[in-house]
Amino acid sequence: MRVTRILFLSLATAIVVLAFAATPSGAIKPKANCPPPFEKLTLQQALDLAEQQGVPETLVIELFAVTDNNSDENLCFAPLPDTKNRVGFFNVVDDTAEGPR
């Protein structure tokens, strides 16, 4: 009788653990933060910066349309190092991106 009870409790515990492990991690909304070394910019801030640099506003709007997965009008920008063939470029990710672990 005691062995049956221990076996039943072990089985019940395993089922509960598996049930919690199977819940989707997407149930918790990811935080809207930028991983280092990125800096968060709103659409308006990016448009203002683009205007100062002479970049067409349509390019910024298209960038946000393609990259802003959570539609909060925030993206993360990190400057890429200047090289012989590349000056003034940025790496851009959505603000829900995860940084290195």
PDB file of N, CA and C in Angstrom:
ATOM      1  N   MET A   1       0.827  -1.193   0.000  1.00  0.00           N
ATOM      2  CA  MET A   1       0.000   0.000   0.000  1.00  0.00           C
ATOM      3  C   MET A   1       0.874   1.260   0.000  1.00  0.00           C
ATOM      4  N   ARG A   2       1.902   1.272   0.838  1.00  0.00           N
ATOM      5  CA  ARG A   2       2.778   2.442   0.920  1.00  0.00           C
ATOM      6  C   ARG A   2       3.526   2.677  -0.397  1.00  0.00           C
ATOM      7  N   VAL A   3       3.960   1.606  -1.059  1.00  0.00           N
ATOM      8  CA  VAL A   3       4.658   1.723  -2.340  1.00  0.00           C
ATOM      9  C   VAL A   3       3.723   2.300  -3.391  1.00  0.00           C
ATOM     10  N   THR A   4       2.484   1.898  -3.386  1.00  0.00           N
ATOM     11  CA  THR A   4       1.501   2.414  -4.327  1.00  0.00           C
ATOM     12  C   THR A   4       1.283   3.907  -4.108  1.00  0.00           C
ATOM     13  N   ARG A   5       1.213   4.311  -2.851  1.00  0.00           N
ATOM     14  CA  ARG A   5       1.020   5.733  -2.539  1.00  0.00           C
ATOM     15  C   ARG A   5       2.220   6.562  -3.001  1.00  0.00           C
ATOM     16  N   ILE A   6       3.436   6.078  -2.758  1.00  0.00           N
ATOM     17  CA  ILE A   6       4.648   6.797  -3.179  1.00  0.00           C
ATOM     18  C   ILE A   6       4.704   6.865  -4.697  1.00  0.00           C
ATOM     19  N   LEU A   7       4.389   5.760  -5.362  1.00  0.00           N
ATOM     20  CA  LEU A   7       4.381   5.737  -6.819  1.00  0.00           C
ATOM     21  C   LEU A   7       3.346   6.708  -7.379  1.00  0.00           C
ATOM     22  N   PHE A   8       2.150   6.723  -6.784  1.00  0.00           N
ATOM     23  CA  PHE A   8       1.092   7.642  -7.229  1.00  0.00           C
ATOM     24  C   PHE A   8       1.514   9.101  -7.037  1.00  0.00           C
ATOM     25  N   LEU A   9       2.086   9.436  -5.880  1.00  0.00           N
ATOM     26  CA  LEU A   9       2.521  10.816  -5.622  1.00  0.00           C
ATOM     27  C   LEU A   9       3.645  11.236  -6.568  1.00  0.00           C
ATOM     28  N   SER A  10       4.552  10.319  -6.843  1.00  0.00           N
ATOM     29  CA  SER A  10       5.642  10.622  -7.777  1.00  0.00           C
ATOM     30  C   SER A  10       5.099  10.883  -9.176  1.00  0.00           C
ATOM     31  N   LEU A  11       4.164  10.059  -9.589  1.00  0.00           N
ATOM     32  CA  LEU A  11       3.550  10.226 -10.902  1.00  0.00           C
ATOM     33  C   LEU A  11       2.766  11.535 -10.980  1.00  0.00           C
ATOM     34  N   ALA A  12       2.020  11.858  -9.935  1.00  0.00           N
ATOM     35  CA  ALA A  12       1.256  13.107  -9.907  1.00  0.00           C
ATOM     36  C   ALA A  12       2.188  14.312  -9.945  1.00  0.00           C
ATOM     37  N   THR A  13       3.286  14.252  -9.215  1.00  0.00           N
ATOM     38  CA  THR A  13       4.264  15.346  -9.218  1.00  0.00           C
ATOM     39  C   THR A  13       4.869  15.521 -10.607  1.00  0.00           C
ATOM     40  N   ALA A  14       5.199  14.431 -11.260  1.00  0.00           N
ATOM     41  CA  ALA A  14       5.767  14.502 -12.603  1.00  0.00           C
ATOM     42  C   ALA A  14       4.788  15.120 -13.584  1.00  0.00           C
ATOM     43  N   ILE A  15       3.522  14.788 -13.471  1.00  0.00           N
ATOM     44  CA  ILE A  15       2.507  15.356 -14.362  1.00  0.00           C
ATOM     45  C   ILE A  15       2.374  16.860 -14.142  1.00  0.00           C
ATOM     46  N   VAL A  16       2.368  17.283 -12.883  1.00  0.00           N
ATOM     47  CA  VAL A  16       2.268  18.714 -12.586  1.00  0.00           C
ATOM     48  C   VAL A  16       3.479  19.457 -13.134  1.00  0.00           C
ATOM     49  N   VAL A  17       4.684  18.918 -12.939  1.00  0.00           N
ATOM     50  CA  VAL A  17       5.906  19.555 -13.443  1.00  0.00           C
ATOM     51  C   VAL A  17       5.858  19.658 -14.965  1.00  0.00           C
ATOM     52  N   LEU A  18       5.444  18.603 -15.633  1.00  0.00           N
ATOM     53  CA  LEU A  18       5.348  18.638 -17.092  1.00  0.00           C
ATOM     54  C   LEU A  18       4.294  19.634 -17.571  1.00  0.00           C
ATOM     55  N   ALA A  19       3.202  19.749 -16.844  1.00  0.00           N
ATOM     56  CA  ALA A  19       2.156  20.702 -17.226  1.00  0.00           C
ATOM     57  C   ALA A  19       2.677  22.132 -17.149  1.00  0.00           C
ATOM     58  N   PHE A  20       3.433  22.448 -16.092  1.00  0.00           N
ATOM     59  CA  PHE A  20       3.985  23.802 -15.983  1.00  0.00           C
ATOM     60  C   PHE A  20       5.070  24.052 -17.016  1.00  0.00           C
ATOM     61  N   ALA A  21       5.839  23.031 -17.342  1.00  0.00           N
ATOM     62  CA  ALA A  21       6.895  23.179 -18.341  1.00  0.00           C
ATOM     63  C   ALA A  21       6.314  23.369 -19.732  1.00  0.00           C
ATOM     64  N   ALA A  22       5.111  22.870 -19.971  1.00  0.00           N
ATOM     65  CA  ALA A  22       4.502  22.949 -21.295  1.00  0.00           C
ATOM     66  C   ALA A  22       3.756  24.250 -21.533  1.00  0.00           C
ATOM     67  N   THR A  23       3.596  25.091 -20.508  1.00  0.00           N
ATOM     68  CA  THR A  23       2.884  26.349 -20.732  1.00  0.00           C
ATOM     69  C   THR A  23       3.716  27.247 -21.629  1.00  0.00           C
ATOM     70  N   PRO A  24       3.097  27.948 -22.562  1.00  0.00           N
ATOM     71  CA  PRO A  24       3.850  28.767 -23.505  1.00  0.00           C
ATOM     72  C   PRO A  24       4.530  29.934 -22.806  1.00  0.00           C
ATOM     73  N   SER A  25       5.789  30.133 -23.159  1.00  0.00           N
ATOM     74  CA  SER A  25       6.512  31.259 -22.574  1.00  0.00           C
ATOM     75  C   SER A  25       6.013  32.576 -23.161  1.00  0.00           C
ATOM     76  N   GLY A  26       5.275  32.499 -24.247  1.00  0.00           N
ATOM     77  CA  GLY A  26       4.719  33.697 -24.852  1.00  0.00           C
ATOM     78  C   GLY A  26       3.581  34.287 -24.040  1.00  0.00           C
ATOM     79  N   ALA A  27       3.176  33.618 -22.982  1.00  0.00           N
ATOM     80  CA  ALA A  27       2.102  34.149 -22.149  1.00  0.00           C
ATOM     81  C   ALA A  27       2.534  35.426 -21.444  1.00  0.00           C
ATOM     82  N   ILE A  28       3.825  35.585 -21.235  1.00  0.00           N
ATOM     83  CA  ILE A  28       4.352  36.804 -20.633  1.00  0.00           C
ATOM     84  C   ILE A  28       4.894  37.675 -21.751  1.00  0.00           C
ATOM     85  N   LYS A  29       4.377  38.869 -21.854  1.00  0.00           N
ATOM     86  CA  LYS A  29       4.803  39.775 -22.912  1.00  0.00           C
ATOM     87  C   LYS A  29       6.252  40.201 -22.674  1.00  0.00           C
ATOM     88  N   PRO A  30       7.096  40.140 -23.705  1.00  0.00           N
ATOM     89  CA  PRO A  30       8.480  40.542 -23.517  1.00  0.00           C
ATOM     90  C   PRO A  30       8.587  42.021 -23.181  1.00  0.00           C
ATOM     91  N   LYS A  31       9.592  42.340 -22.377  1.00  0.00           N
ATOM     92  CA  LYS A  31       9.824  43.739 -22.019  1.00  0.00           C
ATOM     93  C   LYS A  31      10.330  44.495 -23.233  1.00  0.00           C
ATOM     94  N   ALA A  32       9.904  45.723 -23.349  1.00  0.00           N
ATOM     95  CA  ALA A  32      10.320  46.551 -24.477  1.00  0.00           C
ATOM     96  C   ALA A  32      11.583  47.314 -24.083  1.00  0.00           C
ATOM     97  N   ASN A  33      12.704  46.639 -24.134  1.00  0.00           N
ATOM     98  CA  ASN A  33      13.979  47.245 -23.821  1.00  0.00           C
ATOM     99  C   ASN A  33      14.977  46.929 -24.916  1.00  0.00           C
ATOM    100  N   CYS A  34      16.021  47.726 -24.963  1.00  0.00           N
ATOM    101  CA  CYS A  34      17.076  47.509 -25.938  1.00  0.00           C
ATOM    102  C   CYS A  34      18.275  46.860 -25.255  1.00  0.00           C
ATOM    103  N   PRO A  35      18.824  45.821 -25.885  1.00  0.00           N
ATOM    104  CA  PRO A  35      20.027  45.221 -25.321  1.00  0.00           C
ATOM    105  C   PRO A  35      21.222  46.147 -25.537  1.00  0.00           C
ATOM    106  N   PRO A  36      22.228  46.074 -24.670  1.00  0.00           N
ATOM    107  CA  PRO A  36      23.421  46.887 -24.890  1.00  0.00           C
ATOM    108  C   PRO A  36      24.101  46.445 -26.171  1.00  0.00           C
ATOM    109  N   PRO A  37      24.659  47.284 -26.945  1.00  0.00           N
ATOM    110  CA  PRO A  37      24.912  48.721 -26.819  1.00  0.00           C
ATOM    111  C   PRO A  37      23.878  49.565 -27.551  1.00  0.00           C
ATOM    112  N   PHE A  38      22.680  49.035 -27.759  1.00  0.00           N
ATOM    113  CA  PHE A  38      21.646  49.738 -28.518  1.00  0.00           C
ATOM    114  C   PHE A  38      21.009  50.854 -27.694  1.00  0.00           C
ATOM    115  N   GLU A  39      20.511  51.860 -28.418  1.00  0.00           N
ATOM    116  CA  GLU A  39      19.788  52.971 -27.798  1.00  0.00           C
ATOM    117  C   GLU A  39      18.396  53.036 -28.420  1.00  0.00           C
ATOM    118  N   LYS A  40      17.388  53.159 -27.570  1.00  0.00           N
ATOM    119  CA  LYS A  40      16.008  53.187 -28.055  1.00  0.00           C
ATOM    120  C   LYS A  40      15.678  54.562 -28.623  1.00  0.00           C
ATOM    121  N   LEU A  41      15.083  54.565 -29.819  1.00  0.00           N
ATOM    122  CA  LEU A  41      14.593  55.798 -30.447  1.00  0.00           C
ATOM    123  C   LEU A  41      13.152  55.591 -30.868  1.00  0.00           C
ATOM    124  N   THR A  42      12.344  56.606 -30.657  1.00  0.00           N
ATOM    125  CA  THR A  42      10.973  56.575 -31.152  1.00  0.00           C
ATOM    126  C   THR A  42      10.984  56.899 -32.633  1.00  0.00           C
ATOM    127  N   LEU A  43       9.866  56.676 -33.279  1.00  0.00           N
ATOM    128  CA  LEU A  43       9.749  57.017 -34.697  1.00  0.00           C
ATOM    129  C   LEU A  43      10.033  58.501 -34.904  1.00  0.00           C
ATOM    130  N   GLN A  44       9.486  59.353 -34.050  1.00  0.00           N
ATOM    131  CA  GLN A  44       9.684  60.791 -34.199  1.00  0.00           C
ATOM    132  C   GLN A  44      11.150  61.170 -34.008  1.00  0.00           C
ATOM    133  N   GLN A  45      11.819  60.575 -33.028  1.00  0.00           N
ATOM    134  CA  GLN A  45      13.237  60.861 -32.820  1.00  0.00           C
ATOM    135  C   GLN A  45      14.063  60.432 -34.031  1.00  0.00           C
ATOM    136  N   ALA A  46      13.721  59.276 -34.594  1.00  0.00           N
ATOM    137  CA  ALA A  46      14.435  58.799 -35.775  1.00  0.00           C
ATOM    138  C   ALA A  46      14.181  59.704 -36.973  1.00  0.00           C
ATOM    139  N   LEU A  47      12.955  60.191 -37.113  1.00  0.00           N
ATOM    140  CA  LEU A  47      12.638  61.118 -38.205  1.00  0.00           C
ATOM    141  C   LEU A  47      13.396  62.436 -38.046  1.00  0.00           C
ATOM    142  N   ASP A  48      13.476  62.933 -36.823  1.00  0.00           N
ATOM    143  CA  ASP A  48      14.218  64.169 -36.574  1.00  0.00           C
ATOM    144  C   ASP A  48      15.699  63.997 -36.897  1.00  0.00           C
ATOM    145  N   LEU A  49      16.268  62.874 -36.483  1.00  0.00           N
ATOM    146  CA  LEU A  49      17.676  62.591 -36.755  1.00  0.00           C
ATOM    147  C   LEU A  49      17.911  62.437 -38.248  1.00  0.00           C
ATOM    148  N   ALA A  50      17.003  61.763 -38.932  1.00  0.00           N
ATOM    149  CA  ALA A  50      17.127  61.577 -40.379  1.00  0.00           C
ATOM    150  C   ALA A  50      17.079  62.922 -41.104  1.00  0.00           C
ATOM    151  N   GLU A  51      16.204  63.813 -40.649  1.00  0.00           N
ATOM    152  CA  GLU A  51      16.113  65.144 -41.265  1.00  0.00           C
ATOM    153  C   GLU A  51      17.425  65.907 -41.098  1.00  0.00           C
ATOM    154  N   GLN A  52      18.022  65.816 -39.916  1.00  0.00           N
ATOM    155  CA  GLN A  52      19.302  66.491 -39.671  1.00  0.00           C
ATOM    156  C   GLN A  52      20.409  65.941 -40.560  1.00  0.00           C
ATOM    157  N   GLN A  53      20.344  64.636 -40.856  1.00  0.00           N
ATOM    158  CA  GLN A  53      21.382  63.980 -41.648  1.00  0.00           C
ATOM    159  C   GLN A  53      21.072  63.972 -43.147  1.00  0.00           C
ATOM    160  N   GLY A  54      19.907  64.491 -43.544  1.00  0.00           N
ATOM    161  CA  GLY A  54      19.542  64.520 -44.955  1.00  0.00           C
ATOM    162  C   GLY A  54      19.054  63.184 -45.494  1.00  0.00           C
ATOM    163  N   VAL A  55      18.591  62.307 -44.613  1.00  0.00           N
ATOM    164  CA  VAL A  55      18.062  60.998 -45.030  1.00  0.00           C
ATOM    165  C   VAL A  55      16.572  61.167 -45.312  1.00  0.00           C
ATOM    166  N   PRO A  56      16.077  60.629 -46.429  1.00  0.00           N
ATOM    167  CA  PRO A  56      14.653  60.762 -46.742  1.00  0.00           C
ATOM    168  C   PRO A  56      13.767  60.146 -45.658  1.00  0.00           C
ATOM    169  N   GLU A  57      12.716  60.848 -45.314  1.00  0.00           N
ATOM    170  CA  GLU A  57      11.777  60.408 -44.277  1.00  0.00           C
ATOM    171  C   GLU A  57      11.122  59.073 -44.636  1.00  0.00           C
ATOM    172  N   THR A  58      10.916  58.836 -45.926  1.00  0.00           N
ATOM    173  CA  THR A  58      10.268  57.584 -46.349  1.00  0.00           C
ATOM    174  C   THR A  58      11.115  56.365 -45.991  1.00  0.00           C
ATOM    175  N   LEU A  59      12.443  56.502 -46.012  1.00  0.00           N
ATOM    176  CA  LEU A  59      13.298  55.378 -45.640  1.00  0.00           C
ATOM    177  C   LEU A  59      13.131  55.015 -44.168  1.00  0.00           C
ATOM    178  N   VAL A  60      13.004  56.021 -43.312  1.00  0.00           N
ATOM    179  CA  VAL A  60      12.820  55.777 -41.882  1.00  0.00           C
ATOM    180  C   VAL A  60      11.461  55.127 -41.631  1.00  0.00           C
ATOM    181  N   ILE A  61      10.440  55.622 -42.295  1.00  0.00           N
ATOM    182  CA  ILE A  61       9.097  55.056 -42.123  1.00  0.00           C
ATOM    183  C   ILE A  61       9.066  53.598 -42.588  1.00  0.00           C
ATOM    184  N   GLU A  62       9.711  53.298 -43.717  1.00  0.00           N
ATOM    185  CA  GLU A  62       9.780  51.916 -44.200  1.00  0.00           C
ATOM    186  C   GLU A  62      10.568  51.034 -43.239  1.00  0.00           C
ATOM    187  N   LEU A  63      11.648  51.566 -42.675  1.00  0.00           N
ATOM    188  CA  LEU A  63      12.440  50.811 -41.705  1.00  0.00           C
ATOM    189  C   LEU A  63      11.602  50.424 -40.502  1.00  0.00           C
ATOM    190  N   PHE A  64      10.827  51.359 -39.987  1.00  0.00           N
ATOM    191  CA  PHE A  64       9.956  51.063 -38.844  1.00  0.00           C
ATOM    192  C   PHE A  64       8.866  50.071 -39.238  1.00  0.00           C
ATOM    193  N   ALA A  65       8.312  50.200 -40.439  1.00  0.00           N
ATOM    194  CA  ALA A  65       7.245  49.292 -40.873  1.00  0.00           C
ATOM    195  C   ALA A  65       7.736  47.848 -40.945  1.00  0.00           C
ATOM    196  N   VAL A  66       8.974  47.652 -41.333  1.00  0.00           N
ATOM    197  CA  VAL A  66       9.522  46.311 -41.486  1.00  0.00           C
ATOM    198  C   VAL A  66      10.069  45.757 -40.173  1.00  0.00           C
ATOM    199  N   THR A  67      10.666  46.601 -39.347  1.00  0.00           N
ATOM    200  CA  THR A  67      11.413  46.132 -38.173  1.00  0.00           C
ATOM    201  C   THR A  67      10.620  46.174 -36.878  1.00  0.00           C
ATOM    202  N   ASP A  68       9.648  47.068 -36.761  1.00  0.00           N
ATOM    203  CA  ASP A  68       8.907  47.255 -35.505  1.00  0.00           C
ATOM    204  C   ASP A  68       7.844  46.165 -35.349  1.00  0.00           C
ATOM    205  N   ASN A  69       8.255  45.021 -34.819  1.00  0.00           N
ATOM    206  CA  ASN A  69       7.370  43.854 -34.721  1.00  0.00           C
ATOM    207  C   ASN A  69       6.214  44.041 -33.756  1.00  0.00           C
ATOM    208  N   ASN A  70       6.398  44.818 -32.691  1.00  0.00           N
ATOM    209  CA  ASN A  70       5.324  44.990 -31.709  1.00  0.00           C
ATOM    210  C   ASN A  70       4.541  46.286 -31.915  1.00  0.00           C
ATOM    211  N   SER A  71       4.814  47.008 -32.990  1.00  0.00           N
ATOM    212  CA  SER A  71       4.073  48.210 -33.397  1.00  0.00           C
ATOM    213  C   SER A  71       3.972  49.274 -32.302  1.00  0.00           C
ATOM    214  N   ASP A  72       5.055  49.442 -31.532  1.00  0.00           N
ATOM    215  CA  ASP A  72       5.041  50.472 -30.501  1.00  0.00           C
ATOM    216  C   ASP A  72       5.821  51.724 -30.913  1.00  0.00           C
ATOM    217  N   GLU A  73       6.253  51.768 -32.171  1.00  0.00           N
ATOM    218  CA  GLU A  73       7.001  52.903 -32.726  1.00  0.00           C
ATOM    219  C   GLU A  73       8.286  53.186 -31.964  1.00  0.00           C
ATOM    220  N   ASN A  74       8.958  52.119 -31.517  1.00  0.00           N
ATOM    221  CA  ASN A  74      10.273  52.199 -30.886  1.00  0.00           C
ATOM    222  C   ASN A  74      11.179  51.160 -31.519  1.00  0.00           C
ATOM    223  N   LEU A  75      12.404  51.569 -31.846  1.00  0.00           N
ATOM    224  CA  LEU A  75      13.412  50.643 -32.343  1.00  0.00           C
ATOM    225  C   LEU A  75      14.713  50.903 -31.598  1.00  0.00           C
ATOM    226  N   CYS A  76      15.593  49.920 -31.650  1.00  0.00           N
ATOM    227  CA  CYS A  76      16.900  50.032 -31.010  1.00  0.00           C
ATOM    228  C   CYS A  76      17.963  50.234 -32.083  1.00  0.00           C
ATOM    229  N   PHE A  77      18.767  51.265 -31.904  1.00  0.00           N
ATOM    230  CA  PHE A  77      19.802  51.619 -32.863  1.00  0.00           C
ATOM    231  C   PHE A  77      21.171  51.511 -32.204  1.00  0.00           C
ATOM    232  N   ALA A  78      22.142  50.943 -32.926  1.00  0.00           N
ATOM    233  CA  ALA A  78      23.533  50.905 -32.483  1.00  0.00           C
ATOM    234  C   ALA A  78      24.404  51.274 -33.678  1.00  0.00           C
ATOM    235  N   PRO A  79      25.283  52.257 -33.522  1.00  0.00           N
ATOM    236  CA  PRO A  79      26.137  52.639 -34.649  1.00  0.00           C
ATOM    237  C   PRO A  79      27.128  51.535 -34.985  1.00  0.00           C
ATOM    238  N   LEU A  80      27.299  51.298 -36.268  1.00  0.00           N
ATOM    239  CA  LEU A  80      28.317  50.355 -36.718  1.00  0.00           C
ATOM    240  C   LEU A  80      29.631  51.112 -36.869  1.00  0.00           C
ATOM    241  N   PRO A  81      30.743  50.458 -36.633  1.00  0.00           N
ATOM    242  CA  PRO A  81      32.020  51.159 -36.773  1.00  0.00           C
ATOM    243  C   PRO A  81      32.250  51.600 -38.211  1.00  0.00           C
ATOM    244  N   ASP A  82      32.800  52.791 -38.351  1.00  0.00           N
ATOM    245  CA  ASP A  82      33.118  53.296 -39.686  1.00  0.00           C
ATOM    246  C   ASP A  82      34.262  52.487 -40.288  1.00  0.00           C
ATOM    247  N   THR A  83      34.110  52.137 -41.547  1.00  0.00           N
ATOM    248  CA  THR A  83      35.165  51.439 -42.285  1.00  0.00           C
ATOM    249  C   THR A  83      35.401  52.179 -43.587  1.00  0.00           C
ATOM    250  N   LYS A  84      36.299  51.672 -44.377  1.00  0.00           N
ATOM    251  CA  LYS A  84      36.626  52.300 -45.653  1.00  0.00           C
ATOM    252  C   LYS A  84      35.399  52.429 -46.555  1.00  0.00           C
ATOM    253  N   ASN A  85      34.549  51.407 -46.559  1.00  0.00           N
ATOM    254  CA  ASN A  85      33.381  51.386 -47.446  1.00  0.00           C
ATOM    255  C   ASN A  85      32.058  51.690 -46.754  1.00  0.00           C
ATOM    256  N   ARG A  86      32.112  51.959 -45.437  1.00  0.00           N
ATOM    257  CA  ARG A  86      30.863  52.166 -44.703  1.00  0.00           C
ATOM    258  C   ARG A  86      31.076  53.246 -43.642  1.00  0.00           C
ATOM    259  N   VAL A  87      30.317  54.326 -43.772  1.00  0.00           N
ATOM    260  CA  VAL A  87      30.407  55.418 -42.805  1.00  0.00           C
ATOM    261  C   VAL A  87      28.995  55.814 -42.393  1.00  0.00           C
ATOM    262  N   GLY A  88      28.751  55.893 -41.086  1.00  0.00           N
ATOM    263  CA  GLY A  88      27.466  56.375 -40.594  1.00  0.00           C
ATOM    264  C   GLY A  88      26.316  55.406 -40.692  1.00  0.00           C
ATOM    265  N   PHE A  89      26.584  54.097 -40.616  1.00  0.00           N
ATOM    266  CA  PHE A  89      25.513  53.111 -40.675  1.00  0.00           C
ATOM    267  C   PHE A  89      25.161  52.622 -39.271  1.00  0.00           C
ATOM    268  N   PHE A  90      23.928  52.084 -39.133  1.00  0.00           N
ATOM    269  CA  PHE A  90      23.438  51.619 -37.841  1.00  0.00           C
ATOM    270  C   PHE A  90      22.918  50.201 -37.954  1.00  0.00           C
ATOM    271  N   ASN A  91      23.054  49.458 -36.877  1.00  0.00           N
ATOM    272  CA  ASN A  91      22.382  48.175 -36.736  1.00  0.00           C
ATOM    273  C   ASN A  91      21.064  48.480 -36.037  1.00  0.00           C
ATOM    274  N   VAL A  92      19.963  47.939 -36.537  1.00  0.00           N
ATOM    275  CA  VAL A  92      18.638  48.255 -36.006  1.00  0.00           C
ATOM    276  C   VAL A  92      17.901  46.965 -35.686  1.00  0.00           C
ATOM    277  N   VAL A  93      17.337  46.911 -34.453  1.00  0.00           N
ATOM    278  CA  VAL A  93      16.510  45.777 -34.040  1.00  0.00           C
ATOM    279  C   VAL A  93      15.276  46.314 -33.327  1.00  0.00           C
ATOM    280  N   ASP A  94      14.259  45.466 -33.198  1.00  0.00           N
ATOM    281  CA  ASP A  94      13.058  45.865 -32.466  1.00  0.00           C
ATOM    282  C   ASP A  94      13.386  45.943 -30.977  1.00  0.00           C
ATOM    283  N   ASP A  95      12.622  46.722 -30.232  1.00  0.00           N
ATOM    284  CA  ASP A  95      12.911  46.919 -28.813  1.00  0.00           C
ATOM    285  C   ASP A  95      12.508  45.726 -27.959  1.00  0.00           C
ATOM    286  N   THR A  96      11.996  44.667 -28.526  1.00  0.00           N
ATOM    287  CA  THR A  96      11.726  43.456 -27.768  1.00  0.00           C
ATOM    288  C   THR A  96      12.834  42.429 -27.952  1.00  0.00           C
ATOM    289  N   ALA A  97      13.877  42.782 -28.674  1.00  0.00           N
ATOM    290  CA  ALA A  97      14.985  41.859 -28.892  1.00  0.00           C
ATOM    291  C   ALA A  97      15.696  41.568 -27.589  1.00  0.00           C
ATOM    292  N   GLU A  98      16.193  40.354 -27.459  1.00  0.00           N
ATOM    293  CA  GLU A  98      16.920  39.962 -26.267  1.00  0.00           C
ATOM    294  C   GLU A  98      18.403  40.120 -26.480  1.00  0.00           C
ATOM    295  N   GLY A  99      19.083  40.542 -25.454  1.00  0.00           N
ATOM    296  CA  GLY A  99      20.526  40.683 -25.502  1.00  0.00           C
ATOM    297  C   GLY A  99      21.213  39.357 -25.250  1.00  0.00           C
ATOM    298  N   PRO A 100      22.541  39.367 -25.239  1.00  0.00           N
ATOM    299  CA  PRO A 100      23.278  38.127 -24.988  1.00  0.00           C
ATOM    300  C   PRO A 100      23.030  37.627 -23.571  1.00  0.00           C
ATOM    301  N   ARG A 101      23.070  36.325 -23.423  1.00  0.00           N
ATOM    302  CA  ARG A 101      22.849  35.713 -22.092  1.00  0.00           C
ATOM    303  C   ARG A 101      24.148  35.270 -21.494  1.00  0.00           C
TER     304      ARG A 101
END
